All heavy atoms as atom14 arrays in JSON, in Angstrom:
{
  "sequence": "SYCLTPAYGKDEGRPGEEKGPTTVHMDMFVIDVGNIDGAQQTFSAHAY",
  "atom14_mask": [
    [1, 1, 1, 1, 1, 1, 0, 0, 0, 0, 0, 0, 0, 0],
    [1, 1, 1, 1, 1, 1, 1, 1, 1, 1, 1, 1, 0, 0],
    [1, 1, 1, 1, 1, 1, 0, 0, 0, 0, 0, 0, 0, 0],
    [1, 1, 1, 1, 1, 1, 1, 1, 0, 0, 0, 0, 0, 0],
    [1, 1, 1, 1, 1, 1, 1, 0, 0, 0, 0, 0, 0, 0],
    [1, 1, 1, 1, 1, 1, 1, 0, 0, 0, 0, 0, 0, 0],
    [1, 1, 1, 1, 1, 0, 0, 0, 0, 0, 0, 0, 0, 0],
    [1, 1, 1, 1, 1, 1, 1, 1, 1, 1, 1, 1, 0, 0],
    [1, 1, 1, 1, 0, 0, 0, 0, 0, 0, 0, 0, 0, 0],
    [1, 1, 1, 1, 1, 1, 1, 1, 1, 0, 0, 0, 0, 0],
    [1, 1, 1, 1, 1, 1, 1, 1, 0, 0, 0, 0, 0, 0],
    [1, 1, 1, 1, 1, 1, 1, 1, 1, 0, 0, 0, 0, 0],
    [1, 1, 1, 1, 0, 0, 0, 0, 0, 0, 0, 0, 0, 0],
    [1, 1, 1, 1, 1, 1, 1, 1, 1, 1, 1, 0, 0, 0],
    [1, 1, 1, 1, 1, 1, 1, 0, 0, 0, 0, 0, 0, 0],
    [1, 1, 1, 1, 0, 0, 0, 0, 0, 0, 0, 0, 0, 0],
    [1, 1, 1, 1, 1, 1, 1, 1, 1, 0, 0, 0, 0, 0],
    [1, 1, 1, 1, 1, 1, 1, 1, 1, 0, 0, 0, 0, 0],
    [1, 1, 1, 1, 1, 1, 1, 1, 1, 0, 0, 0, 0, 0],
    [1, 1, 1, 1, 0, 0, 0, 0, 0, 0, 0, 0, 0, 0],
    [1, 1, 1, 1, 1, 1, 1, 0, 0, 0, 0, 0, 0, 0],
    [1, 1, 1, 1, 1, 1, 1, 0, 0, 0, 0, 0, 0, 0],
    [1, 1, 1, 1, 1, 1, 1, 0, 0, 0, 0, 0, 0, 0],
    [1, 1, 1, 1, 1, 1, 1, 0, 0, 0, 0, 0, 0, 0],
    [1, 1, 1, 1, 1, 1, 1, 1, 1, 1, 0, 0, 0, 0],
    [1, 1, 1, 1, 1, 1, 1, 1, 0, 0, 0, 0, 0, 0],
    [1, 1, 1, 1, 1, 1, 1, 1, 0, 0, 0, 0, 0, 0],
    [1, 1, 1, 1, 1, 1, 1, 1, 0, 0, 0, 0, 0, 0],
    [1, 1, 1, 1, 1, 1, 1, 1, 1, 1, 1, 0, 0, 0],
    [1, 1, 1, 1, 1, 1, 1, 0, 0, 0, 0, 0, 0, 0],
    [1, 1, 1, 1, 1, 1, 1, 1, 0, 0, 0, 0, 0, 0],
    [1, 1, 1, 1, 1, 1, 1, 1, 0, 0, 0, 0, 0, 0],
    [1, 1, 1, 1, 1, 1, 1, 0, 0, 0, 0, 0, 0, 0],
    [1, 1, 1, 1, 0, 0, 0, 0, 0, 0, 0, 0, 0, 0],
    [1, 1, 1, 1, 1, 1, 1, 1, 0, 0, 0, 0, 0, 0],
    [1, 1, 1, 1, 1, 1, 1, 1, 0, 0, 0, 0, 0, 0],
    [1, 1, 1, 1, 1, 1, 1, 1, 0, 0, 0, 0, 0, 0],
    [1, 1, 1, 1, 0, 0, 0, 0, 0, 0, 0, 0, 0, 0],
    [1, 1, 1, 1, 1, 0, 0, 0, 0, 0, 0, 0, 0, 0],
    [1, 1, 1, 1, 1, 1, 1, 1, 1, 0, 0, 0, 0, 0],
    [1, 1, 1, 1, 1, 1, 1, 1, 1, 0, 0, 0, 0, 0],
    [1, 1, 1, 1, 1, 1, 1, 0, 0, 0, 0, 0, 0, 0],
    [1, 1, 1, 1, 1, 1, 1, 1, 1, 1, 1, 0, 0, 0],
    [1, 1, 1, 1, 1, 1, 0, 0, 0, 0, 0, 0, 0, 0],
    [1, 1, 1, 1, 1, 0, 0, 0, 0, 0, 0, 0, 0, 0],
    [1, 1, 1, 1, 1, 1, 1, 1, 1, 1, 0, 0, 0, 0],
    [1, 1, 1, 1, 1, 0, 0, 0, 0, 0, 0, 0, 0, 0],
    [1, 1, 1, 1, 1, 1, 1, 1, 1, 1, 1, 1, 0, 0]
  ],
  "atom14_positions": [
    [[-4.02, 31.18, 11.4], [-4.45, 31.1, 10.01], [-4.55, 29.65, 9.57], [-3.75, 28.82, 9.94], [-3.45, 31.83, 9.12], [-3.33, 33.17, 9.51], [0.0, 0.0, 0.0], [0.0, 0.0, 0.0], [0.0, 0.0, 0.0], [0.0, 0.0, 0.0], [0.0, 0.0, 0.0], [0.0, 0.0, 0.0], [0.0, 0.0, 0.0], [0.0, 0.0, 0.0]],
    [[-5.52, 29.37, 8.74], [-5.67, 28.05, 8.16], [-5.46, 28.19, 6.65], [-6.28, 28.76, 5.96], [-7.05, 27.46, 8.45], [-7.19, 27.05, 9.89], [-7.5, 27.99, 10.87], [-6.98, 25.74, 10.27], [-7.62, 27.61, 12.2], [-7.09, 25.36, 11.6], [-7.42, 26.29, 12.55], [-7.54, 25.92, 13.86], [0.0, 0.0, 0.0], [0.0, 0.0, 0.0]],
    [[-4.33, 27.69, 6.17], [-3.97, 27.87, 4.77], [-4.15, 26.55, 4.05], [-3.37, 25.62, 4.25], [-2.52, 28.33, 4.64], [-2.21, 29.88, 5.5], [0.0, 0.0, 0.0], [0.0, 0.0, 0.0], [0.0, 0.0, 0.0], [0.0, 0.0, 0.0], [0.0, 0.0, 0.0], [0.0, 0.0, 0.0], [0.0, 0.0, 0.0], [0.0, 0.0, 0.0]],
    [[-5.18, 26.46, 3.24], [-5.41, 25.23, 2.49], [-4.51, 25.15, 1.27], [-4.21, 24.07, 0.78], [-6.88, 25.13, 2.08], [-7.87, 25.08, 3.25], [-9.3, 24.97, 2.7], [-7.58, 23.88, 4.14], [0.0, 0.0, 0.0], [0.0, 0.0, 0.0], [0.0, 0.0, 0.0], [0.0, 0.0, 0.0], [0.0, 0.0, 0.0], [0.0, 0.0, 0.0]],
    [[-4.06, 26.27, 0.76], [-3.18, 26.28, -0.4], [-1.91, 27.05, -0.05], [-1.94, 28.24, 0.18], [-3.85, 26.97, -1.6], [-5.09, 26.3, -1.86], [-2.96, 26.87, -2.82], [0.0, 0.0, 0.0], [0.0, 0.0, 0.0], [0.0, 0.0, 0.0], [0.0, 0.0, 0.0], [0.0, 0.0, 0.0], [0.0, 0.0, 0.0], [0.0, 0.0, 0.0]],
    [[-0.75, 26.37, 0.02], [0.49, 27.03, 0.38], [1.04, 27.87, -0.75], [0.52, 27.88, -1.86], [1.43, 25.86, 0.7], [0.9, 24.75, -0.14], [-0.58, 24.94, -0.2], [0.0, 0.0, 0.0], [0.0, 0.0, 0.0], [0.0, 0.0, 0.0], [0.0, 0.0, 0.0], [0.0, 0.0, 0.0], [0.0, 0.0, 0.0], [0.0, 0.0, 0.0]],
    [[2.13, 28.57, -0.45], [2.74, 29.46, -1.44], [3.48, 28.68, -2.52], [3.92, 29.24, -3.5], [3.69, 30.42, -0.75], [0.0, 0.0, 0.0], [0.0, 0.0, 0.0], [0.0, 0.0, 0.0], [0.0, 0.0, 0.0], [0.0, 0.0, 0.0], [0.0, 0.0, 0.0], [0.0, 0.0, 0.0], [0.0, 0.0, 0.0], [0.0, 0.0, 0.0]],
    [[3.66, 27.39, -2.34], [4.3, 26.55, -3.35], [3.59, 25.23, -3.41], [2.88, 24.83, -2.48], [5.78, 26.34, -3.01], [5.99, 25.36, -1.88], [6.28, 24.02, -2.14], [5.85, 25.75, -0.56], [6.45, 23.12, -1.12], [6.0, 24.85, 0.47], [6.31, 23.54, 0.19], [6.46, 22.64, 1.21], [0.0, 0.0, 0.0], [0.0, 0.0, 0.0]],
    [[3.72, 24.51, -4.5], [3.05, 23.23, -4.66], [3.86, 22.09, -4.08], [5.09, 22.16, -3.95], [0.0, 0.0, 0.0], [0.0, 0.0, 0.0], [0.0, 0.0, 0.0], [0.0, 0.0, 0.0], [0.0, 0.0, 0.0], [0.0, 0.0, 0.0], [0.0, 0.0, 0.0], [0.0, 0.0, 0.0], [0.0, 0.0, 0.0], [0.0, 0.0, 0.0]],
    [[3.17, 21.0, -3.76], [3.83, 19.83, -3.2], [4.85, 19.23, -4.17], [5.84, 18.64, -3.78], [2.78, 18.79, -2.81], [3.32, 17.61, -2.04], [2.21, 16.68, -1.62], [2.74, 15.51, -0.82], [1.65, 14.59, -0.41], [0.0, 0.0, 0.0], [0.0, 0.0, 0.0], [0.0, 0.0, 0.0], [0.0, 0.0, 0.0], [0.0, 0.0, 0.0]],
    [[4.59, 19.42, -5.46], [5.47, 18.86, -6.48], [6.81, 19.59, -6.58], [7.69, 19.15, -7.32], [4.77, 18.89, -7.85], [3.56, 17.96, -7.88], [3.54, 17.01, -7.07], [2.66, 18.18, -8.7], [0.0, 0.0, 0.0], [0.0, 0.0, 0.0], [0.0, 0.0, 0.0], [0.0, 0.0, 0.0], [0.0, 0.0, 0.0], [0.0, 0.0, 0.0]],
    [[6.96, 20.7, -5.89], [8.22, 21.45, -5.97], [9.32, 20.81, -5.16], [10.45, 21.31, -5.15], [7.99, 22.9, -5.51], [7.13, 23.7, -6.49], [7.13, 25.18, -6.15], [8.08, 25.64, -5.5], [6.17, 25.86, -6.53], [0.0, 0.0, 0.0], [0.0, 0.0, 0.0], [0.0, 0.0, 0.0], [0.0, 0.0, 0.0], [0.0, 0.0, 0.0]],
    [[9.04, 19.71, -4.51], [10.1, 18.96, -3.84], [10.19, 19.21, -2.35], [9.52, 20.06, -1.78], [0.0, 0.0, 0.0], [0.0, 0.0, 0.0], [0.0, 0.0, 0.0], [0.0, 0.0, 0.0], [0.0, 0.0, 0.0], [0.0, 0.0, 0.0], [0.0, 0.0, 0.0], [0.0, 0.0, 0.0], [0.0, 0.0, 0.0], [0.0, 0.0, 0.0]],
    [[11.09, 18.46, -1.76], [11.27, 18.54, -0.31], [12.1, 19.77, 0.06], [12.86, 20.29, -0.76], [11.94, 17.26, 0.2], [13.26, 16.98, -0.46], [13.83, 15.63, -0.03], [15.03, 15.34, -0.77], [16.24, 15.81, -0.48], [16.39, 16.6, 0.59], [17.28, 15.5, -1.21], [0.0, 0.0, 0.0], [0.0, 0.0, 0.0], [0.0, 0.0, 0.0]],
    [[12.0, 20.24, 1.28], [12.76, 21.43, 1.7], [14.26, 21.15, 1.78], [14.68, 20.1, 2.27], [12.17, 21.75, 3.08], [11.58, 20.45, 3.55], [11.1, 19.76, 2.32], [0.0, 0.0, 0.0], [0.0, 0.0, 0.0], [0.0, 0.0, 0.0], [0.0, 0.0, 0.0], [0.0, 0.0, 0.0], [0.0, 0.0, 0.0], [0.0, 0.0, 0.0]],
    [[15.05, 22.08, 1.28], [16.5, 21.99, 1.37], [17.13, 20.89, 0.56], [18.24, 20.45, 0.85], [0.0, 0.0, 0.0], [0.0, 0.0, 0.0], [0.0, 0.0, 0.0], [0.0, 0.0, 0.0], [0.0, 0.0, 0.0], [0.0, 0.0, 0.0], [0.0, 0.0, 0.0], [0.0, 0.0, 0.0], [0.0, 0.0, 0.0], [0.0, 0.0, 0.0]],
    [[16.46, 20.42, -0.49], [16.98, 19.29, -1.24], [18.29, 19.62, -1.95], [19.09, 18.72, -2.22], [15.96, 18.79, -2.25], [15.54, 19.79, -3.3], [14.51, 19.22, -4.26], [13.98, 18.12, -3.99], [14.23, 19.89, -5.26], [0.0, 0.0, 0.0], [0.0, 0.0, 0.0], [0.0, 0.0, 0.0], [0.0, 0.0, 0.0], [0.0, 0.0, 0.0]],
    [[18.54, 20.9, -2.2], [19.79, 21.28, -2.85], [20.98, 21.18, -1.9], [22.13, 21.18, -2.33], [19.68, 22.71, -3.41], [19.63, 23.82, -2.37], [18.27, 23.97, -1.71], [17.32, 23.27, -2.15], [18.15, 24.79, -0.78], [0.0, 0.0, 0.0], [0.0, 0.0, 0.0], [0.0, 0.0, 0.0], [0.0, 0.0, 0.0], [0.0, 0.0, 0.0]],
    [[20.71, 21.05, -0.59], [21.79, 20.99, 0.4], [22.05, 19.57, 0.92], [22.96, 19.37, 1.71], [21.46, 21.9, 1.58], [21.31, 23.37, 1.21], [20.95, 24.2, 2.43], [20.76, 25.66, 2.07], [20.39, 26.48, 3.25], [0.0, 0.0, 0.0], [0.0, 0.0, 0.0], [0.0, 0.0, 0.0], [0.0, 0.0, 0.0], [0.0, 0.0, 0.0]],
    [[21.24, 18.62, 0.48], [21.4, 17.26, 0.97], [20.1, 16.72, 1.53], [19.01, 17.23, 1.23], [0.0, 0.0, 0.0], [0.0, 0.0, 0.0], [0.0, 0.0, 0.0], [0.0, 0.0, 0.0], [0.0, 0.0, 0.0], [0.0, 0.0, 0.0], [0.0, 0.0, 0.0], [0.0, 0.0, 0.0], [0.0, 0.0, 0.0], [0.0, 0.0, 0.0]],
    [[20.15, 15.69, 2.37], [18.92, 15.09, 2.9], [18.17, 16.04, 3.83], [18.77, 16.87, 4.52], [19.43, 13.86, 3.66], [20.87, 14.15, 3.96], [21.36, 14.98, 2.83], [0.0, 0.0, 0.0], [0.0, 0.0, 0.0], [0.0, 0.0, 0.0], [0.0, 0.0, 0.0], [0.0, 0.0, 0.0], [0.0, 0.0, 0.0], [0.0, 0.0, 0.0]],
    [[16.86, 15.92, 3.83], [16.02, 16.68, 4.74], [16.0, 15.97, 6.09], [15.67, 14.78, 6.18], [14.58, 16.78, 4.2], [14.61, 17.45, 2.93], [13.69, 17.55, 5.16], [0.0, 0.0, 0.0], [0.0, 0.0, 0.0], [0.0, 0.0, 0.0], [0.0, 0.0, 0.0], [0.0, 0.0, 0.0], [0.0, 0.0, 0.0], [0.0, 0.0, 0.0]],
    [[16.37, 16.69, 7.14], [16.41, 16.1, 8.48], [15.04, 16.18, 9.13], [14.43, 17.24, 9.2], [17.44, 16.82, 9.37], [18.74, 16.69, 8.77], [17.47, 16.22, 10.76], [0.0, 0.0, 0.0], [0.0, 0.0, 0.0], [0.0, 0.0, 0.0], [0.0, 0.0, 0.0], [0.0, 0.0, 0.0], [0.0, 0.0, 0.0], [0.0, 0.0, 0.0]],
    [[14.56, 15.03, 9.6], [13.27, 14.95, 10.29], [13.53, 14.44, 11.7], [14.12, 13.38, 11.9], [12.31, 13.99, 9.55], [10.98, 13.92, 10.3], [12.1, 14.45, 8.12], [0.0, 0.0, 0.0], [0.0, 0.0, 0.0], [0.0, 0.0, 0.0], [0.0, 0.0, 0.0], [0.0, 0.0, 0.0], [0.0, 0.0, 0.0], [0.0, 0.0, 0.0]],
    [[13.12, 15.22, 12.69], [13.29, 14.82, 14.09], [12.04, 14.1, 14.59], [10.92, 14.44, 14.19], [13.56, 16.05, 14.97], [14.88, 16.68, 14.7], [15.02, 17.82, 13.94], [16.13, 16.33, 15.09], [16.3, 18.16, 13.87], [16.99, 17.27, 14.56], [0.0, 0.0, 0.0], [0.0, 0.0, 0.0], [0.0, 0.0, 0.0], [0.0, 0.0, 0.0]],
    [[12.25, 13.1, 15.44], [11.11, 12.33, 15.92], [11.11, 12.18, 17.42], [12.15, 12.16, 18.07], [11.05, 10.95, 15.24], [12.11, 9.96, 15.67], [13.68, 10.13, 14.81], [14.55, 8.68, 15.44], [0.0, 0.0, 0.0], [0.0, 0.0, 0.0], [0.0, 0.0, 0.0], [0.0, 0.0, 0.0], [0.0, 0.0, 0.0], [0.0, 0.0, 0.0]],
    [[9.89, 12.11, 17.97], [9.63, 11.82, 19.38], [8.49, 10.82, 19.44], [7.54, 10.9, 18.64], [9.2, 13.08, 20.14], [10.38, 13.91, 20.61], [11.25, 13.34, 21.28], [10.41, 15.1, 20.3], [0.0, 0.0, 0.0], [0.0, 0.0, 0.0], [0.0, 0.0, 0.0], [0.0, 0.0, 0.0], [0.0, 0.0, 0.0], [0.0, 0.0, 0.0]],
    [[8.58, 9.89, 20.37], [7.48, 8.93, 20.52], [7.4, 8.48, 21.96], [8.42, 8.15, 22.58], [7.68, 7.73, 19.6], [6.51, 6.76, 19.6], [6.64, 5.56, 18.27], [5.28, 4.47, 18.67], [0.0, 0.0, 0.0], [0.0, 0.0, 0.0], [0.0, 0.0, 0.0], [0.0, 0.0, 0.0], [0.0, 0.0, 0.0], [0.0, 0.0, 0.0]],
    [[6.18, 8.47, 22.48], [5.94, 8.0, 23.84], [4.82, 6.97, 23.8], [3.73, 7.26, 23.3], [5.56, 9.16, 24.76], [5.48, 8.76, 26.21], [6.62, 8.81, 27.01], [4.29, 8.34, 26.77], [6.56, 8.43, 28.34], [4.2, 7.96, 28.1], [5.35, 8.0, 28.89], [0.0, 0.0, 0.0], [0.0, 0.0, 0.0], [0.0, 0.0, 0.0]],
    [[5.1, 5.77, 24.3], [4.1, 4.72, 24.35], [3.28, 4.9, 25.63], [3.8, 4.78, 26.74], [4.74, 3.33, 24.3], [3.69, 2.24, 24.52], [5.43, 3.12, 22.95], [0.0, 0.0, 0.0], [0.0, 0.0, 0.0], [0.0, 0.0, 0.0], [0.0, 0.0, 0.0], [0.0, 0.0, 0.0], [0.0, 0.0, 0.0], [0.0, 0.0, 0.0]],
    [[2.01, 5.19, 25.45], [1.11, 5.46, 26.58], [0.64, 4.17, 27.24], [0.5, 4.1, 28.46], [-0.1, 6.28, 26.08], [0.38, 7.6, 25.46], [-1.1, 6.55, 27.2], [-0.68, 8.34, 24.69], [0.0, 0.0, 0.0], [0.0, 0.0, 0.0], [0.0, 0.0, 0.0], [0.0, 0.0, 0.0], [0.0, 0.0, 0.0], [0.0, 0.0, 0.0]],
    [[0.44, 3.13, 26.42], [-0.05, 1.88, 26.99], [0.22, 0.72, 26.05], [0.31, 0.9, 24.82], [-1.55, 1.98, 27.27], [-2.06, 0.88, 28.19], [-1.22, 0.26, 28.88], [-3.28, 0.66, 28.25], [0.0, 0.0, 0.0], [0.0, 0.0, 0.0], [0.0, 0.0, 0.0], [0.0, 0.0, 0.0], [0.0, 0.0, 0.0], [0.0, 0.0, 0.0]],
    [[0.4, -0.45, 26.62], [0.43, -1.71, 25.89], [-0.7, -2.55, 26.47], [-0.71, -2.84, 27.67], [1.79, -2.44, 26.04], [1.75, -3.79, 25.33], [2.92, -1.57, 25.49], [0.0, 0.0, 0.0], [0.0, 0.0, 0.0], [0.0, 0.0, 0.0], [0.0, 0.0, 0.0], [0.0, 0.0, 0.0], [0.0, 0.0, 0.0], [0.0, 0.0, 0.0]],
    [[-1.66, -2.91, 25.6], [-2.87, -3.51, 26.12], [-2.92, -5.02, 26.08], [-3.53, -5.65, 26.93], [0.0, 0.0, 0.0], [0.0, 0.0, 0.0], [0.0, 0.0, 0.0], [0.0, 0.0, 0.0], [0.0, 0.0, 0.0], [0.0, 0.0, 0.0], [0.0, 0.0, 0.0], [0.0, 0.0, 0.0], [0.0, 0.0, 0.0], [0.0, 0.0, 0.0]],
    [[-2.28, -5.64, 25.09], [-2.4, -7.08, 24.96], [-1.23, -7.62, 24.14], [-0.79, -7.01, 23.18], [-3.72, -7.44, 24.26], [-3.94, -8.93, 24.18], [-3.78, -9.64, 25.18], [-4.3, -9.43, 23.02], [0.0, 0.0, 0.0], [0.0, 0.0, 0.0], [0.0, 0.0, 0.0], [0.0, 0.0, 0.0], [0.0, 0.0, 0.0], [0.0, 0.0, 0.0]],
    [[-0.72, -8.79, 24.54], [0.3, -9.51, 23.79], [-0.27, -10.87, 23.46], [-0.6, -11.66, 24.36], [1.6, -9.64, 24.6], [2.2, -8.25, 24.85], [2.6, -10.52, 23.87], [3.41, -8.25, 25.77], [0.0, 0.0, 0.0], [0.0, 0.0, 0.0], [0.0, 0.0, 0.0], [0.0, 0.0, 0.0], [0.0, 0.0, 0.0], [0.0, 0.0, 0.0]],
    [[-0.44, -11.14, 22.17], [-1.14, -12.34, 21.72], [-0.18, -13.25, 20.96], [0.16, -12.98, 19.8], [-2.32, -11.94, 20.83], [-3.26, -13.09, 20.53], [-2.79, -14.24, 20.45], [-4.47, -12.83, 20.37], [0.0, 0.0, 0.0], [0.0, 0.0, 0.0], [0.0, 0.0, 0.0], [0.0, 0.0, 0.0], [0.0, 0.0, 0.0], [0.0, 0.0, 0.0]],
    [[0.26, -14.32, 21.59], [1.19, -15.24, 20.95], [0.57, -16.0, 19.81], [1.24, -16.31, 18.81], [0.0, 0.0, 0.0], [0.0, 0.0, 0.0], [0.0, 0.0, 0.0], [0.0, 0.0, 0.0], [0.0, 0.0, 0.0], [0.0, 0.0, 0.0], [0.0, 0.0, 0.0], [0.0, 0.0, 0.0], [0.0, 0.0, 0.0], [0.0, 0.0, 0.0]],
    [[-0.71, -16.35, 19.91], [-1.38, -17.09, 18.85], [-1.51, -16.26, 17.57], [-1.3, -16.75, 16.46], [-2.75, -17.55, 19.33], [0.0, 0.0, 0.0], [0.0, 0.0, 0.0], [0.0, 0.0, 0.0], [0.0, 0.0, 0.0], [0.0, 0.0, 0.0], [0.0, 0.0, 0.0], [0.0, 0.0, 0.0], [0.0, 0.0, 0.0], [0.0, 0.0, 0.0]],
    [[-1.85, -14.97, 17.74], [-2.01, -14.08, 16.59], [-0.7, -13.42, 16.17], [-0.64, -12.76, 15.14], [-3.05, -13.01, 16.92], [-4.46, -13.53, 17.15], [-5.07, -14.14, 15.92], [-4.86, -13.67, 14.8], [-5.84, -15.2, 16.1], [0.0, 0.0, 0.0], [0.0, 0.0, 0.0], [0.0, 0.0, 0.0], [0.0, 0.0, 0.0], [0.0, 0.0, 0.0]],
    [[0.34, -13.58, 17.0], [1.63, -12.93, 16.74], [1.47, -11.42, 16.63], [1.94, -10.77, 15.69], [2.27, -13.49, 15.46], [2.58, -14.99, 15.52], [3.79, -15.29, 16.4], [4.93, -15.13, 15.99], [3.54, -15.74, 17.62], [0.0, 0.0, 0.0], [0.0, 0.0, 0.0], [0.0, 0.0, 0.0], [0.0, 0.0, 0.0], [0.0, 0.0, 0.0]],
    [[0.79, -10.84, 17.63], [0.52, -9.41, 17.64], [0.62, -8.86, 19.06], [0.62, -9.6, 20.04], [-0.9, -9.09, 17.12], [-1.86, -9.71, 17.97], [-1.09, -9.56, 15.69], [0.0, 0.0, 0.0], [0.0, 0.0, 0.0], [0.0, 0.0, 0.0], [0.0, 0.0, 0.0], [0.0, 0.0, 0.0], [0.0, 0.0, 0.0], [0.0, 0.0, 0.0]],
    [[0.7, -7.53, 19.14], [0.52, -6.82, 20.4], [-0.22, -5.53, 20.11], [-0.15, -5.0, 19.0], [1.87, -6.56, 21.1], [2.74, -5.54, 20.42], [2.75, -4.21, 20.84], [3.57, -5.9, 19.36], [3.55, -3.26, 20.22], [4.39, -4.96, 18.75], [4.38, -3.64, 19.17], [0.0, 0.0, 0.0], [0.0, 0.0, 0.0], [0.0, 0.0, 0.0]],
    [[-0.94, -5.03, 21.08], [-1.66, -3.77, 20.9], [-0.97, -2.68, 21.71], [-0.41, -2.95, 22.78], [-3.12, -3.91, 21.34], [-3.21, -4.21, 22.72], [0.0, 0.0, 0.0], [0.0, 0.0, 0.0], [0.0, 0.0, 0.0], [0.0, 0.0, 0.0], [0.0, 0.0, 0.0], [0.0, 0.0, 0.0], [0.0, 0.0, 0.0], [0.0, 0.0, 0.0]],
    [[-1.01, -1.47, 21.19], [-0.35, -0.35, 21.86], [-1.03, 0.97, 21.52], [-1.67, 1.1, 20.47], [1.13, -0.29, 21.49], [0.0, 0.0, 0.0], [0.0, 0.0, 0.0], [0.0, 0.0, 0.0], [0.0, 0.0, 0.0], [0.0, 0.0, 0.0], [0.0, 0.0, 0.0], [0.0, 0.0, 0.0], [0.0, 0.0, 0.0], [0.0, 0.0, 0.0]],
    [[-0.87, 1.92, 22.41], [-1.36, 3.28, 22.23], [-0.16, 4.21, 22.41], [0.54, 4.12, 23.42], [-2.45, 3.59, 23.25], [-3.02, 4.96, 23.13], [-3.69, 5.59, 24.16], [-3.01, 5.86, 22.1], [-4.07, 6.78, 23.77], [-3.68, 6.98, 22.52], [0.0, 0.0, 0.0], [0.0, 0.0, 0.0], [0.0, 0.0, 0.0], [0.0, 0.0, 0.0]],
    [[0.11, 5.05, 21.41], [1.33, 5.86, 21.45], [1.07, 7.27, 20.93], [0.12, 7.51, 20.17], [2.44, 5.2, 20.64], [0.0, 0.0, 0.0], [0.0, 0.0, 0.0], [0.0, 0.0, 0.0], [0.0, 0.0, 0.0], [0.0, 0.0, 0.0], [0.0, 0.0, 0.0], [0.0, 0.0, 0.0], [0.0, 0.0, 0.0], [0.0, 0.0, 0.0]],
    [[1.93, 8.17, 21.35], [1.93, 9.56, 20.89], [3.17, 9.76, 20.01], [4.29, 9.5, 20.44], [1.96, 10.51, 22.08], [2.21, 11.97, 21.74], [1.15, 12.82, 21.43], [3.5, 12.49, 21.74], [1.37, 14.15, 21.13], [3.73, 13.83, 21.44], [2.66, 14.65, 21.13], [2.89, 15.97, 20.83], [0.0, 0.0, 0.0], [0.0, 0.0, 0.0]]
  ]
}
């Protein structure tokens, strides 16, 4: 199903706010590092 309008509005707040902070789990994998530029003070990367 593709639901463009949920059963509640975004303004109703974050989930479980009455119980404390909302826990968000994260995963990240760096697929590639393409360039390290000392002059520009940058590096390029591709990540999931």
